[in-house]
Structure formats: structure tokens, C-alpha cells
N, C-alpha and C. Protein backbone atom coordinates (compact mmCIF):
# COMPACT_ATOMS: atom_id res chain seq x y z
N MET A 1 29.58 85.31 -77.12
CA MET A 1 30.66 85.42 -76.18
C MET A 1 31.40 86.73 -76.40
N LEU A 2 30.64 87.80 -76.39
CA LEU A 2 31.20 89.11 -76.63
C LEU A 2 31.71 89.74 -75.33
N PRO A 3 32.67 90.67 -75.45
CA PRO A 3 33.26 91.27 -74.25
C PRO A 3 32.39 92.33 -73.58
N LYS A 4 31.35 92.82 -74.28
CA LYS A 4 30.50 93.84 -73.65
C LYS A 4 29.08 93.71 -74.16
N ILE A 5 28.13 94.19 -73.37
CA ILE A 5 26.73 94.08 -73.75
C ILE A 5 26.30 95.31 -74.54
N ALA A 6 25.21 95.16 -75.27
CA ALA A 6 24.54 96.27 -75.97
C ALA A 6 25.48 97.03 -76.89
N ARG A 7 26.36 96.32 -77.56
CA ARG A 7 27.35 97.00 -78.39
C ARG A 7 26.76 97.56 -79.68
N ASP A 8 25.56 97.09 -80.07
CA ASP A 8 24.99 97.54 -81.33
C ASP A 8 23.84 98.52 -81.15
N ILE A 9 23.73 99.13 -79.97
CA ILE A 9 22.71 100.15 -79.77
C ILE A 9 23.40 101.49 -79.55
N GLY A 10 22.64 102.56 -79.69
CA GLY A 10 23.21 103.89 -79.56
C GLY A 10 23.76 104.16 -78.17
N PRO A 11 24.68 105.12 -78.08
CA PRO A 11 25.34 105.39 -76.81
C PRO A 11 24.39 105.85 -75.70
N THR A 12 23.37 106.62 -76.04
CA THR A 12 22.42 107.09 -75.02
C THR A 12 21.61 105.93 -74.47
N THR A 13 21.11 105.07 -75.35
CA THR A 13 20.34 103.91 -74.91
C THR A 13 21.23 102.95 -74.13
N ARG A 14 22.47 102.75 -74.59
CA ARG A 14 23.41 101.87 -73.89
C ARG A 14 23.66 102.39 -72.47
N TRP A 15 23.86 103.70 -72.34
CA TRP A 15 24.09 104.30 -71.03
C TRP A 15 22.89 104.05 -70.12
N SER A 16 21.68 104.26 -70.65
CA SER A 16 20.46 104.07 -69.87
C SER A 16 20.32 102.62 -69.41
N VAL A 17 20.56 101.68 -70.31
CA VAL A 17 20.47 100.25 -69.98
C VAL A 17 21.52 99.89 -68.93
N THR A 18 22.74 100.35 -69.13
CA THR A 18 23.83 100.04 -68.20
C THR A 18 23.54 100.62 -66.81
N MET A 19 23.01 101.82 -66.75
CA MET A 19 22.68 102.44 -65.46
C MET A 19 21.63 101.61 -64.71
N ARG A 20 20.62 101.14 -65.42
CA ARG A 20 19.58 100.33 -64.78
C ARG A 20 20.14 99.00 -64.29
N ILE A 21 20.95 98.38 -65.12
CA ILE A 21 21.57 97.11 -64.73
C ILE A 21 22.39 97.29 -63.46
N ASN A 22 23.17 98.34 -63.41
CA ASN A 22 23.99 98.61 -62.22
C ASN A 22 23.12 98.96 -61.01
N ARG A 23 22.09 99.77 -61.21
CA ARG A 23 21.21 100.17 -60.10
C ARG A 23 20.50 98.97 -59.50
N TRP A 24 20.10 98.03 -60.33
CA TRP A 24 19.38 96.85 -59.84
C TRP A 24 20.32 95.76 -59.34
N GLY A 25 21.62 95.99 -59.43
CA GLY A 25 22.59 95.02 -58.93
C GLY A 25 22.69 93.75 -59.77
N ILE A 26 22.38 93.87 -61.04
CA ILE A 26 22.46 92.71 -61.94
C ILE A 26 23.92 92.47 -62.30
N LYS A 27 24.38 91.25 -62.12
CA LYS A 27 25.76 90.91 -62.45
C LYS A 27 25.83 90.45 -63.90
N GLN A 28 26.82 90.96 -64.61
CA GLN A 28 27.03 90.60 -66.01
C GLN A 28 28.24 89.68 -66.12
N HIS A 29 28.12 88.67 -66.93
CA HIS A 29 29.23 87.76 -67.18
C HIS A 29 29.41 87.67 -68.69
N THR A 30 30.27 88.52 -69.22
CA THR A 30 30.49 88.58 -70.66
C THR A 30 31.62 87.63 -71.06
N SER A 31 31.78 87.45 -72.34
CA SER A 31 32.82 86.57 -72.90
C SER A 31 32.74 85.17 -72.31
N ALA A 32 31.52 84.69 -72.09
CA ALA A 32 31.32 83.38 -71.47
C ALA A 32 30.37 82.54 -72.32
N LYS A 33 30.58 81.24 -72.27
CA LYS A 33 29.72 80.28 -72.97
C LYS A 33 28.91 79.53 -71.91
N VAL A 34 27.59 79.52 -72.07
CA VAL A 34 26.73 78.79 -71.12
C VAL A 34 26.85 77.30 -71.41
N ILE A 35 27.21 76.54 -70.40
CA ILE A 35 27.31 75.09 -70.52
C ILE A 35 25.98 74.45 -70.14
N ARG A 36 25.44 74.85 -68.99
CA ARG A 36 24.13 74.36 -68.57
C ARG A 36 23.57 75.24 -67.47
N ILE A 37 22.24 75.21 -67.37
CA ILE A 37 21.54 75.91 -66.31
C ILE A 37 20.97 74.85 -65.38
N THR A 38 21.23 75.00 -64.08
CA THR A 38 20.77 74.04 -63.09
C THR A 38 19.85 74.73 -62.09
N ASN A 39 19.35 73.98 -61.13
CA ASN A 39 18.53 74.58 -60.07
C ASN A 39 19.34 75.52 -59.19
N ASP A 40 20.66 75.35 -59.19
CA ASP A 40 21.53 76.17 -58.34
C ASP A 40 22.04 77.42 -59.04
N GLY A 41 22.01 77.45 -60.36
CA GLY A 41 22.54 78.59 -61.09
C GLY A 41 22.90 78.22 -62.51
N VAL A 42 24.00 78.75 -62.98
CA VAL A 42 24.42 78.52 -64.36
C VAL A 42 25.90 78.17 -64.39
N GLU A 43 26.22 77.16 -65.17
CA GLU A 43 27.62 76.78 -65.36
C GLU A 43 28.10 77.40 -66.66
N ILE A 44 29.20 78.13 -66.58
CA ILE A 44 29.74 78.80 -67.77
C ILE A 44 31.18 78.35 -68.01
N GLU A 45 31.62 78.58 -69.24
CA GLU A 45 33.02 78.37 -69.59
C GLU A 45 33.55 79.70 -70.08
N ARG A 46 34.66 80.12 -69.48
CA ARG A 46 35.29 81.37 -69.88
C ARG A 46 36.79 81.14 -69.90
N GLU A 47 37.40 81.40 -71.05
CA GLU A 47 38.85 81.21 -71.23
C GLU A 47 39.28 79.80 -70.85
N GLY A 48 38.44 78.81 -71.18
CA GLY A 48 38.78 77.42 -70.94
C GLY A 48 38.48 76.91 -69.54
N ASP A 49 38.08 77.79 -68.63
CA ASP A 49 37.78 77.40 -67.25
C ASP A 49 36.27 77.31 -67.05
N LEU A 50 35.83 76.27 -66.31
CA LEU A 50 34.42 76.13 -65.95
C LEU A 50 34.16 76.82 -64.63
N GLU A 51 32.99 77.44 -64.53
CA GLU A 51 32.63 78.17 -63.31
C GLU A 51 31.13 78.02 -63.08
N LEU A 52 30.73 77.75 -61.85
CA LEU A 52 29.31 77.70 -61.50
C LEU A 52 28.95 79.01 -60.81
N ILE A 53 28.00 79.72 -61.37
CA ILE A 53 27.54 80.97 -60.80
C ILE A 53 26.18 80.71 -60.15
N GLU A 54 26.11 80.87 -58.85
CA GLU A 54 24.85 80.64 -58.14
C GLU A 54 23.88 81.76 -58.48
N ALA A 55 22.64 81.37 -58.81
CA ALA A 55 21.64 82.36 -59.20
C ALA A 55 20.24 81.80 -59.06
N ASN A 56 19.31 82.69 -58.75
CA ASN A 56 17.89 82.34 -58.74
C ASN A 56 17.28 82.57 -60.11
N THR A 57 17.80 83.56 -60.83
CA THR A 57 17.30 83.93 -62.15
C THR A 57 18.48 84.08 -63.09
N VAL A 58 18.34 83.55 -64.29
CA VAL A 58 19.39 83.65 -65.30
C VAL A 58 18.78 84.26 -66.56
N VAL A 59 19.41 85.31 -67.08
CA VAL A 59 19.00 85.93 -68.33
C VAL A 59 20.14 85.75 -69.31
N ILE A 60 19.84 85.15 -70.45
CA ILE A 60 20.88 84.93 -71.46
C ILE A 60 20.65 85.90 -72.61
N ALA A 61 21.65 86.70 -72.91
CA ALA A 61 21.62 87.59 -74.07
C ALA A 61 22.59 86.99 -75.08
N ALA A 62 22.04 86.32 -76.06
CA ALA A 62 22.87 85.58 -77.01
C ALA A 62 22.79 86.21 -78.40
N GLY A 63 23.85 86.12 -79.13
CA GLY A 63 23.86 86.59 -80.50
C GLY A 63 23.13 85.63 -81.42
N MET A 64 22.99 86.04 -82.64
CA MET A 64 22.27 85.24 -83.62
C MET A 64 23.14 85.03 -84.86
N GLU A 65 22.80 84.02 -85.61
CA GLU A 65 23.42 83.78 -86.90
C GLU A 65 22.32 83.75 -87.94
N PRO A 66 22.60 84.22 -89.16
CA PRO A 66 21.54 84.23 -90.18
C PRO A 66 21.07 82.82 -90.50
N ASN A 67 19.77 82.69 -90.75
CA ASN A 67 19.19 81.42 -91.16
C ASN A 67 18.81 81.54 -92.63
N SER A 68 19.66 81.03 -93.49
CA SER A 68 19.42 81.15 -94.93
C SER A 68 19.03 79.82 -95.57
N GLU A 69 18.59 78.87 -94.76
CA GLU A 69 18.23 77.54 -95.26
C GLU A 69 17.13 77.62 -96.33
N LEU A 70 16.05 78.35 -96.04
CA LEU A 70 14.96 78.47 -97.00
C LEU A 70 15.40 79.22 -98.25
N VAL A 71 16.17 80.28 -98.06
CA VAL A 71 16.68 81.06 -99.19
C VAL A 71 17.48 80.16 -100.12
N ASN A 72 18.35 79.34 -99.57
CA ASN A 72 19.17 78.44 -100.38
C ASN A 72 18.31 77.45 -101.15
N GLN A 73 17.22 76.98 -100.55
CA GLN A 73 16.33 76.04 -101.22
C GLN A 73 15.56 76.70 -102.36
N LEU A 74 15.27 77.99 -102.21
CA LEU A 74 14.46 78.69 -103.21
C LEU A 74 15.26 79.33 -104.33
N LYS A 75 16.56 79.54 -104.12
CA LYS A 75 17.40 80.16 -105.15
C LYS A 75 17.34 79.33 -106.43
N GLY A 76 17.12 80.01 -107.54
CA GLY A 76 17.06 79.34 -108.83
C GLY A 76 15.68 78.78 -109.15
N LYS A 77 14.80 78.73 -108.16
CA LYS A 77 13.45 78.20 -108.38
C LYS A 77 12.42 79.31 -108.52
N LEU A 78 12.76 80.49 -108.05
CA LEU A 78 11.87 81.65 -108.15
C LEU A 78 12.57 82.75 -108.93
N SER A 79 11.83 83.37 -109.82
CA SER A 79 12.44 84.43 -110.63
C SER A 79 12.50 85.76 -109.88
N ASN A 80 11.70 85.91 -108.85
CA ASN A 80 11.62 87.19 -108.15
C ASN A 80 11.78 86.97 -106.64
N LEU A 81 12.96 86.55 -106.24
CA LEU A 81 13.24 86.24 -104.83
C LEU A 81 13.95 87.43 -104.18
N HIS A 82 13.39 87.89 -103.07
CA HIS A 82 13.98 88.99 -102.31
C HIS A 82 14.33 88.48 -100.92
N VAL A 83 15.55 88.73 -100.50
CA VAL A 83 16.01 88.27 -99.19
C VAL A 83 16.18 89.49 -98.30
N ILE A 84 15.45 89.51 -97.19
CA ILE A 84 15.52 90.64 -96.26
C ILE A 84 15.65 90.13 -94.84
N GLY A 85 15.91 91.04 -93.94
CA GLY A 85 15.98 90.69 -92.52
C GLY A 85 17.15 89.78 -92.20
N ASP A 86 16.98 88.95 -91.20
CA ASP A 86 18.06 88.09 -90.74
C ASP A 86 18.34 86.91 -91.66
N SER A 87 17.58 86.78 -92.74
CA SER A 87 17.90 85.74 -93.73
C SER A 87 19.17 86.09 -94.48
N SER A 88 19.46 87.38 -94.60
CA SER A 88 20.67 87.78 -95.31
C SER A 88 21.85 87.94 -94.36
N GLN A 89 21.63 88.62 -93.25
CA GLN A 89 22.66 88.76 -92.22
C GLN A 89 22.00 89.27 -90.95
N THR A 90 22.55 88.92 -89.81
CA THR A 90 21.94 89.37 -88.56
C THR A 90 22.28 90.83 -88.32
N ARG A 91 21.25 91.54 -87.94
CA ARG A 91 21.39 92.97 -87.65
C ARG A 91 20.38 93.34 -86.59
N ARG A 92 20.13 94.61 -86.50
CA ARG A 92 19.13 95.09 -85.55
C ARG A 92 17.73 94.96 -86.15
N MET A 93 16.74 94.87 -85.27
CA MET A 93 15.36 94.71 -85.70
C MET A 93 14.93 95.87 -86.61
N LEU A 94 15.34 97.07 -86.29
CA LEU A 94 14.95 98.24 -87.07
C LEU A 94 15.44 98.12 -88.51
N ASP A 95 16.62 97.54 -88.72
CA ASP A 95 17.13 97.34 -90.08
C ASP A 95 16.20 96.43 -90.88
N ALA A 96 15.73 95.36 -90.26
CA ALA A 96 14.83 94.43 -90.94
C ALA A 96 13.50 95.10 -91.27
N ILE A 97 13.00 95.91 -90.36
CA ILE A 97 11.74 96.62 -90.61
C ILE A 97 11.90 97.57 -91.79
N HIS A 98 13.00 98.30 -91.83
CA HIS A 98 13.25 99.23 -92.94
C HIS A 98 13.36 98.48 -94.26
N GLU A 99 14.06 97.35 -94.27
CA GLU A 99 14.18 96.56 -95.50
C GLU A 99 12.82 96.09 -95.98
N GLY A 100 12.00 95.58 -95.08
CA GLY A 100 10.67 95.11 -95.44
C GLY A 100 9.81 96.24 -95.98
N TYR A 101 9.87 97.39 -95.35
CA TYR A 101 9.10 98.55 -95.79
C TYR A 101 9.55 98.99 -97.19
N ALA A 102 10.87 99.10 -97.37
CA ALA A 102 11.41 99.54 -98.67
C ALA A 102 11.01 98.57 -99.78
N LEU A 103 11.07 97.29 -99.52
CA LEU A 103 10.68 96.31 -100.52
C LEU A 103 9.19 96.40 -100.81
N GLY A 104 8.38 96.56 -99.77
CA GLY A 104 6.93 96.69 -99.96
C GLY A 104 6.56 97.90 -100.80
N GLN A 105 7.32 98.98 -100.70
CA GLN A 105 7.05 100.18 -101.48
C GLN A 105 7.27 99.95 -102.98
N LYS A 106 8.10 98.98 -103.33
CA LYS A 106 8.37 98.69 -104.74
C LYS A 106 7.20 98.00 -105.42
N PHE A 107 6.33 97.39 -104.62
CA PHE A 107 5.19 96.68 -105.19
C PHE A 107 4.02 97.59 -105.17
């Protein structure tokens, strides 16, 4: 439920994405929680108010939370446990790739 899209990408890429979205007439509804998707569109909640947005196509860009369930189960059971990617914290895909590469270089 963020106030703006693409906040974690570079300014040039954000500008390019925003220009395409505007050119194609795609409507953005930020700071909203999806309640349900129906045949008629999508029902959202924003600032406590429910709203039905009529749509043929719905694209949801949702944030993520780290999934550390497996890490928590393995802590203390393995002497050489390395936590990388979204298991430690959610970030960009490139960050996870760099972490995996750096760890692989140590072996």
C-alpha cells in the first residue's frame, strides 16, 4: 500500500516505466488494499473507504516480506548456515544475485 510505484528502481528506469504506463492509459491506484477481484473489476480499500474499480484486466504490484521460516528451523542445527536473498530481508533481485555470487566465490 505504497504511495508511488517503482520506488526502488533507478530514476531513468522509473521514468521509462512511468512514460509507458501513461502512454498506454494504464490507471494506477496506489496506497490501496485489494479486497477482492470480481468479474466486474477489483474492490479496493483506501483510507478506510471501499471502492469498486471496473476493469477488464487487473495487475497487482505487491510488496513482499522476508520468509525466514526455514532459516529459523535450521539455526543452531547447521554449523555453516548462510542466509542470502529474501530470506534475510526483501530487496531487489539484483541484490540477491550479488549475494549468491559473492557467497559462491568463497567456496
